[in-house]
Amino acid sequence: MQTGYIAKHKPYENTSNRDFSLGKTLRRPLRALRQVFAPAAPSVFFTLAIGLTSINAFAEQFNVLLFTKTDGFHHTSINQAVTAMEQLSDKHHFKVDWHEDASQINDENLKQYDVIMFLLTTGNILNDEQQAAMERFIQSGKGFVGVHSASDTEYDWDWYTKMVGRTFHIHPVIQTAELSVISRKFPGLERMPNKLLWTDEWYEFGAERSDDLNYILSIDESTYDPKADWGRVAGDGMGKFHPVAWYHNYDGGRAFYSALGHMGSTYSDTLFLEHVYGGIYWAATGKGMNSTADKNKK
């Protein structure tokens, strides 16, 4: 992977904490309304309380902390990726808060979230205290979603690399390859063909960091050239089995990873977005698994 930092497309940090929902408004306590309106006009308070209750009925189904901090290569596709996640949250009615400020990874703030999503992160992005808070978050039964270079993140944090499942080693130039669905038990793959041509930056991974990974997508190395040589590191592919997406239960919680998503154009692809949402949905709720799907696969 190239090194360096591309500042041209880096999202402004003072806007990356946008709240894409009415969450803060919906969580204002009724007590405050009572103090303002009840003494003079009980009927006004009652009307507002009923209205607020009605709005709460439409609160988002779960909350996602979207994290895109980089400490190495910076993908120019981050802005397109974040926009796609905003649109995905609107379509599927979940809340997403986008941050690059690692101080957001703390016990108190994480209480409001069901999933932490590392989207195109790289390098060492959390300190020891933040890492410990994230570990406790997963151990409490919550979820993690990693996309593309989330596997090129925090190599020295043993717990994290085991959660992601594998770590990035090298990649060749962007190419088209044959992508295969190898398990339909996992949500988000309902409309993806059994095999299709897909263009991406194909990561070669190191050995499994956890032995319970459930693989759902793979690529056929005979359909592209996996060779890469960067001088300090080289690669020749992973052989007959080259996985690119997987999931597992981990340390009390759930973790999903997909290596797809290098290019900005991928974030407007319906099949890709359904794949990512399947990961978010499962990580947030533990739901969506289909125990009979593979039996019906042609």
Protein backbone atom coordinates (compact mmCIF):
# COMPACT_ATOMS: atom_id res chain seq x y z
CA MET A 1 0.00 0.00 0.00
CA GLN A 2 1.26 3.47 -0.75
CA THR A 3 2.36 5.63 2.10
CA GLY A 4 1.78 9.28 2.66
CA TYR A 5 -1.18 11.55 3.18
CA ILE A 6 -3.50 13.07 0.61
CA ALA A 7 -4.92 16.22 2.16
CA LYS A 8 -6.98 17.32 -0.85
CA HIS A 9 -9.99 15.19 -0.01
CA LYS A 10 -9.56 14.90 3.75
CA PRO A 11 -12.87 15.67 5.50
CA TYR A 12 -12.86 18.74 7.70
CA GLU A 13 -12.65 17.62 11.30
CA ASN A 14 -14.89 20.45 12.49
CA THR A 15 -17.77 19.01 10.45
CA SER A 16 -17.10 15.31 10.92
CA ASN A 17 -19.10 15.17 14.14
CA ARG A 18 -22.38 15.93 12.43
CA ASP A 19 -25.42 14.21 13.93
CA PHE A 20 -27.49 12.90 11.05
CA SER A 21 -30.62 12.38 13.15
CA LEU A 22 -33.02 14.02 15.55
CA GLY A 23 -31.49 11.95 18.33
CA LYS A 24 -30.44 14.80 20.59
CA THR A 25 -33.82 16.51 20.21
CA LEU A 26 -35.69 13.30 20.89
CA ARG A 27 -33.70 12.65 24.06
CA ARG A 28 -34.51 15.97 25.74
CA PRO A 29 -36.24 15.13 29.01
CA LEU A 30 -39.93 15.83 29.40
CA ARG A 31 -39.04 17.31 32.79
CA ALA A 32 -37.61 20.39 31.07
CA LEU A 33 -40.87 20.92 29.18
CA ARG A 34 -42.84 20.54 32.38
CA GLN A 35 -40.76 23.21 34.11
CA VAL A 36 -41.37 25.66 31.29
CA PHE A 37 -44.99 25.08 30.39
CA ALA A 38 -46.78 23.22 33.17
CA PRO A 39 -47.07 26.04 35.76
CA ALA A 40 -48.87 28.43 33.43
CA ALA A 41 -50.48 26.18 30.86
CA PRO A 42 -50.85 22.48 31.70
CA SER A 43 -52.67 21.85 28.43
CA VAL A 44 -49.71 23.20 26.45
CA PHE A 45 -47.35 20.86 28.27
CA PHE A 46 -49.69 17.92 27.69
CA THR A 47 -49.89 18.66 23.97
CA LEU A 48 -46.10 18.97 23.68
CA ALA A 49 -45.57 15.79 25.69
CA ILE A 50 -47.90 13.82 23.45
CA GLY A 51 -46.16 15.22 20.39
CA LEU A 52 -42.73 14.30 21.72
CA THR A 53 -43.94 10.81 22.53
CA SER A 54 -45.18 10.47 18.95
CA ILE A 55 -41.82 11.62 17.58
CA ASN A 56 -40.02 9.13 19.82
CA ALA A 57 -42.06 6.38 18.18
CA PHE A 58 -40.08 7.12 15.02
CA ALA A 59 -36.63 7.04 16.63
CA GLU A 60 -33.93 5.22 14.69
CA GLN A 61 -33.66 1.45 15.09
CA PHE A 62 -29.99 1.52 16.17
CA ASN A 63 -27.02 3.88 16.40
CA VAL A 64 -23.67 3.68 14.58
CA LEU A 65 -20.44 5.54 15.35
CA LEU A 66 -18.73 5.99 11.97
CA PHE A 67 -14.97 6.47 12.36
CA THR A 68 -12.65 7.41 9.47
CA LYS A 69 -9.44 8.54 11.18
CA THR A 70 -6.22 7.78 9.30
CA ASP A 71 -2.59 7.65 10.37
CA GLY A 72 -1.02 6.56 7.10
CA PHE A 73 -2.52 6.26 3.64
CA HIS A 74 -5.62 8.45 3.26
CA HIS A 75 -8.20 7.15 0.79
CA THR A 76 -9.61 9.86 -1.45
CA SER A 77 -12.86 7.89 -1.41
CA ILE A 78 -13.60 8.70 2.24
CA ASN A 79 -15.98 11.56 1.47
CA GLN A 80 -17.94 9.45 -1.02
CA ALA A 81 -17.99 6.60 1.49
CA VAL A 82 -19.33 8.81 4.28
CA THR A 83 -22.01 10.25 2.00
CA ALA A 84 -23.05 6.70 1.10
CA MET A 85 -23.33 5.77 4.78
CA GLU A 86 -25.52 8.85 5.39
CA GLN A 87 -27.81 7.75 2.56
CA LEU A 88 -27.80 4.18 3.85
CA SER A 89 -28.85 5.40 7.28
CA ASP A 90 -31.74 7.32 5.75
CA LYS A 91 -32.86 4.32 3.71
CA HIS A 92 -32.72 1.88 6.63
CA HIS A 93 -33.66 4.30 9.41
CA PHE A 94 -30.62 4.09 11.67
CA LYS A 95 -28.58 6.88 13.20
CA VAL A 96 -24.98 7.50 12.13
CA ASP A 97 -22.55 9.94 13.73
CA TRP A 98 -19.35 10.57 11.76
CA HIS A 99 -16.14 11.35 13.65
CA GLU A 100 -12.38 11.50 13.17
CA ASP A 101 -11.81 12.60 16.75
CA ALA A 102 -10.53 9.58 18.68
CA SER A 103 -11.60 11.14 21.99
CA GLN A 104 -15.13 10.07 21.04
CA ILE A 105 -14.04 6.51 21.84
CA ASN A 106 -14.75 6.60 25.57
CA ASP A 107 -17.03 4.62 27.85
CA GLU A 108 -19.60 7.35 28.43
CA ASN A 109 -19.99 8.37 24.79
CA LEU A 110 -20.10 4.79 23.51
CA LYS A 111 -23.14 3.98 25.66
CA GLN A 112 -25.39 5.49 22.99
CA TYR A 113 -24.07 3.28 20.15
CA ASP A 114 -24.74 -0.25 19.01
CA VAL A 115 -21.93 -0.45 16.43
CA ILE A 116 -18.51 1.10 15.87
CA MET A 117 -17.68 1.19 12.16
CA PHE A 118 -14.08 1.65 11.00
CA LEU A 119 -14.43 2.90 7.43
CA LEU A 120 -11.16 3.26 5.46
CA THR A 121 -9.12 3.77 8.63
CA THR A 122 -5.35 3.25 8.60
CA GLY A 123 -2.48 3.13 11.06
CA ASN A 124 -2.41 3.66 14.81
CA ILE A 125 -5.47 5.75 15.56
CA LEU A 126 -6.39 5.03 19.20
CA ASN A 127 -4.39 5.44 22.40
CA ASP A 128 -4.35 2.85 25.19
CA GLU A 129 -7.33 4.34 27.02
CA GLN A 130 -9.42 4.50 23.86
CA GLN A 131 -8.49 0.94 22.96
CA ALA A 132 -9.62 -0.25 26.38
CA ALA A 133 -12.95 1.56 25.97
CA MET A 134 -13.50 -0.11 22.62
CA GLU A 135 -12.73 -3.51 24.09
CA ARG A 136 -15.30 -2.95 26.82
CA PHE A 137 -17.82 -1.83 24.20
CA ILE A 138 -17.53 -5.14 22.31
CA GLN A 139 -17.45 -7.17 25.51
CA SER A 140 -20.78 -5.61 26.49
CA GLY A 141 -22.38 -7.43 23.54
CA LYS A 142 -22.16 -4.77 20.84
CA GLY A 143 -20.78 -4.83 17.30
CA PHE A 144 -17.93 -3.81 15.00
CA VAL A 145 -17.89 -3.27 11.25
CA GLY A 146 -14.64 -2.88 9.32
CA VAL A 147 -14.43 -1.86 5.67
CA HIS A 148 -11.39 -2.23 3.38
CA SER A 149 -8.37 -0.70 5.16
CA ALA A 150 -9.77 -1.40 8.61
CA SER A 151 -7.45 -4.42 8.23
CA ASP A 152 -4.55 -1.97 7.67
CA THR A 153 -5.15 -0.47 11.10
CA GLU A 154 -3.66 -1.02 14.57
CA TYR A 155 -1.25 -3.87 13.74
CA ASP A 156 0.25 -3.76 17.24
CA TRP A 157 -3.09 -4.05 19.02
CA ASP A 158 -3.47 -7.81 19.35
CA TRP A 159 -7.12 -7.72 20.47
CA TYR A 160 -8.11 -5.61 17.47
CA THR A 161 -6.36 -7.74 14.85
CA LYS A 162 -8.08 -10.83 16.26
CA MET A 163 -11.42 -9.03 16.06
CA VAL A 164 -10.90 -8.01 12.42
CA GLY A 165 -9.69 -11.56 11.74
CA ARG A 166 -6.82 -10.98 9.32
CA THR A 167 -4.38 -8.15 8.63
CA PHE A 168 -3.49 -6.56 5.31
CA HIS A 169 -0.17 -7.63 3.75
CA ILE A 170 0.02 -6.16 0.23
CA HIS A 171 -2.08 -5.54 -2.86
CA PRO A 172 -1.44 -5.49 -6.62
CA VAL A 173 -2.76 -2.77 -8.95
CA ILE A 174 -6.52 -2.32 -9.14
CA GLN A 175 -7.99 -5.03 -11.36
CA THR A 176 -11.19 -6.82 -12.30
CA ALA A 177 -11.58 -10.31 -10.81
CA GLU A 178 -14.26 -12.93 -10.37
CA LEU A 179 -16.00 -12.46 -7.03
CA SER A 180 -17.95 -15.39 -5.55
CA VAL A 181 -20.59 -15.65 -2.84
CA ILE A 182 -19.51 -18.67 -0.78
CA SER A 183 -22.20 -18.47 1.91
CA ARG A 184 -25.66 -16.94 1.82
CA LYS A 185 -26.34 -17.43 5.51
CA PHE A 186 -25.26 -13.85 6.16
CA PRO A 187 -27.61 -10.91 5.41
CA GLY A 188 -26.99 -8.45 2.58
CA LEU A 189 -26.16 -10.95 -0.16
CA GLU A 190 -29.70 -11.78 -1.25
CA ARG A 191 -29.39 -10.12 -4.68
CA MET A 192 -25.69 -10.66 -5.32
CA PRO A 193 -25.11 -13.32 -8.04
CA ASN A 194 -23.22 -16.47 -7.14
CA LYS A 195 -20.37 -15.17 -9.31
CA LEU A 196 -19.75 -11.75 -10.84
CA LEU A 197 -16.96 -9.56 -12.13
CA TRP A 198 -15.84 -6.97 -9.60
CA THR A 199 -13.16 -4.28 -9.83
CA ASP A 200 -11.33 -3.33 -6.67
CA GLU A 201 -7.98 -3.17 -4.90
CA TRP A 202 -7.54 -6.81 -3.92
CA TYR A 203 -5.90 -7.19 -0.54
CA GLU A 204 -3.64 -10.12 0.17
CA PHE A 205 -3.95 -11.01 3.85
CA GLY A 206 -1.74 -12.64 6.40
CA ALA A 207 -2.71 -15.75 8.35
CA GLU A 208 -5.94 -15.94 10.31
CA ARG A 209 -5.75 -14.09 13.61
CA SER A 210 -8.88 -15.92 14.82
CA ASP A 211 -9.83 -19.50 14.05
CA ASP A 212 -13.61 -19.01 13.99
CA LEU A 213 -14.03 -16.76 10.94
CA ASN A 214 -17.10 -17.41 8.80
CA TYR A 215 -16.27 -16.56 5.19
CA ILE A 216 -18.93 -15.20 2.85
CA LEU A 217 -17.07 -13.77 -0.19
CA SER A 218 -13.93 -14.85 -2.06
CA ILE A 219 -12.11 -14.06 -5.30
CA ASP A 220 -10.59 -16.34 -7.93
CA GLU A 221 -6.90 -15.50 -8.31
CA SER A 222 -6.81 -17.13 -11.75
CA THR A 223 -8.95 -14.23 -13.03
CA TYR A 224 -6.44 -11.48 -12.15
CA ASP A 225 -2.72 -11.03 -11.51
CA PRO A 226 -2.12 -11.11 -7.73
CA LYS A 227 1.63 -10.40 -7.93
CA ALA A 228 2.90 -7.30 -6.18
CA ASP A 229 6.39 -6.12 -5.23
CA TRP A 230 6.98 -2.92 -3.29
CA GLY A 231 10.64 -3.63 -2.58
CA ARG A 232 10.32 -3.89 1.19
CA VAL A 233 7.41 -6.32 0.85
CA ALA A 234 6.13 -8.58 -1.93
CA GLY A 235 3.19 -10.86 -2.54
CA ASP A 236 2.05 -13.57 -4.91
CA GLY A 237 -1.54 -14.05 -3.84
CA MET A 238 -3.14 -16.37 -1.31
CA GLY A 239 -3.62 -19.44 -3.48
CA LYS A 240 -6.78 -21.44 -4.10
CA PHE A 241 -8.75 -19.76 -1.33
CA HIS A 242 -8.70 -15.97 -1.17
CA PRO A 243 -11.43 -14.64 1.16
CA VAL A 244 -12.48 -10.99 1.07
CA ALA A 245 -15.38 -10.83 3.57
CA TRP A 246 -16.20 -12.63 6.80
CA TYR A 247 -17.82 -12.37 10.23
CA HIS A 248 -17.60 -13.97 13.67
CA ASN A 249 -18.73 -13.62 17.25
CA TYR A 250 -15.89 -12.11 19.22
CA ASP A 251 -15.22 -11.51 22.91
CA GLY A 252 -18.90 -11.19 23.77
CA GLY A 253 -19.84 -9.13 20.72
CA ARG A 254 -19.98 -9.36 16.92
CA ALA A 255 -17.49 -8.39 14.20
CA PHE A 256 -17.94 -8.10 10.40
CA TYR A 257 -15.25 -7.23 7.84
CA SER A 258 -15.27 -6.63 4.09
CA ALA A 259 -12.18 -5.90 2.01
CA LEU A 260 -14.24 -4.34 -0.77
CA GLY A 261 -14.53 -0.57 -1.06
CA HIS A 262 -11.27 1.01 -2.19
CA MET A 263 -12.69 3.16 -4.99
CA GLY A 264 -15.18 5.97 -4.55
CA SER A 265 -17.36 4.64 -7.35
CA THR A 266 -17.99 1.46 -5.34
CA TYR A 267 -20.00 3.49 -2.82
CA SER A 268 -22.75 4.06 -5.38
CA ASP A 269 -23.04 0.34 -6.18
CA THR A 270 -26.28 -1.13 -4.87
CA LEU A 271 -24.86 -4.63 -4.38
CA PHE A 272 -21.97 -3.27 -2.34
CA LEU A 273 -24.21 -1.10 -0.17
CA GLU A 274 -26.54 -4.04 0.51
CA HIS A 275 -23.48 -6.09 1.48
CA VAL A 276 -22.25 -3.42 3.89
CA TYR A 277 -25.70 -2.86 5.37
CA GLY A 278 -26.01 -6.59 6.00
CA GLY A 279 -22.85 -6.32 8.10
CA ILE A 280 -24.07 -3.25 9.96
CA TYR A 281 -27.49 -4.80 10.64
CA TRP A 282 -26.03 -8.06 11.96
CA ALA A 283 -23.36 -6.30 14.04
CA ALA A 284 -26.00 -4.03 15.59
CA THR A 285 -28.73 -6.59 16.23
CA GLY A 286 -27.37 -10.12 15.81
CA LYS A 287 -30.27 -10.70 13.41
CA GLY A 288 -30.56 -11.60 9.74
CA MET A 289 -28.89 -14.99 9.65
CA ASN A 290 -30.48 -17.62 7.37
CA SER A 291 -29.64 -21.18 8.38
CA THR A 292 -31.15 -22.68 5.20
CA ALA A 293 -29.70 -20.30 2.62
CA ASP A 294 -26.70 -22.41 1.57
CA LYS A 295 -28.91 -25.48 1.10
CA ASN A 296 -30.86 -23.56 -1.52
CA LYS A 297 -27.80 -22.21 -3.33
CA LYS A 298 -27.56 -23.37 -6.92
